[in-house]
């Protein structure tokens, strides 16, 4: 069905329109042909569980051995490395669980399925990193004040072995799908752990060559800094998703201006863009089209631009013609006041003219 300049859109009450599918959609739910087709909702469907499993086995085995050696060598740096490896292992386990949960189909009240299971685990992982970091920082400061004797040789051998294990584990996870916040978080954790082991090895070498026992506590503080950085990053990214903020690389104001600049579009309001989970953005908006404009053609054009320029293919666009009475308010060449079209608009109103952001 195509609207011409003399035809009126087929409507059934305020905010309802007929789409190309031939079905009636309620206000705010006019899904275009690209709204659900042509993309996968399983953000971790391609992640290689086998690689994650290999990395998990390497990390847990070495972590257990490192705790024993750390106690024998009385090295807080080794114990802090083991604690960091524990969070690495937890992050991989949670990633594997989240993959399974997020793959479940949407049903009942969970209309998106369990896509945000990975975000919950990422936030828990970030919080754990911060809490462990706080405890290790306290212990490190105590050892700076009163350093115990440290077995530098045993510490050095263990740290060198840890470097090898973390290099292999980092490579394994790099082979998996890193579009998931959990998988990327696990990768970054193990990479940070690799740097921590390098720092521990340097500290052990200092202890062996000079007997400077405080080097162990200093290396621990370096590990703590890496843990806090990783934990804060996970908390920040997962928090943005829970608060339904726009993706970090999308400016909603600029996006609204680009949409309203498209042919036949008069106004865009109630524009919302958020992330269902990591790597999967969604958008909804109310679009007003000039009288005589083809609503369906405009909707398809907007969906294609969102898909091509922003990678957003989960869209909900309510497209309506500008009410004739509203159009008559403005004189020739003037922009009519369209603010009354929605009783309670959310966010800025975008028009193809100067407007407030």
Foldseek 3Di string as FASTA:
>chain_A
DWFFLPDFFDADDPQWGAAPVRDIDHHQFPAFPLQPPDDDLQLQPQFDLVLLVVLLVLLVVLLVVLCVLCVVQVFLLSPLLSLLSVLLNQLSVQVVVLSVQQPDADDDPRNSGPNCSNLVSLLVSLVSLLVSLVVLLVVLVVCLVPPDQGPLVSQLVSLVVLLVSLVSSLVSLVVTDCLAPSSVLSNLSSVLSNVLSVQSNVLSVCCVVPVPRSSSSVSSNSSSVSSNVSSVVSNVVSVQQVVFHAPPPDDQVVLLQVLQPDPQWFKKFLWGKGAPHRPAIEITIETEGERRHTQNVSVVVSLVCCCVVPVHSNYRYRYGYQDPVQVVPDDVPDRGDSVVSDPDIDDFMHGNDDGDD
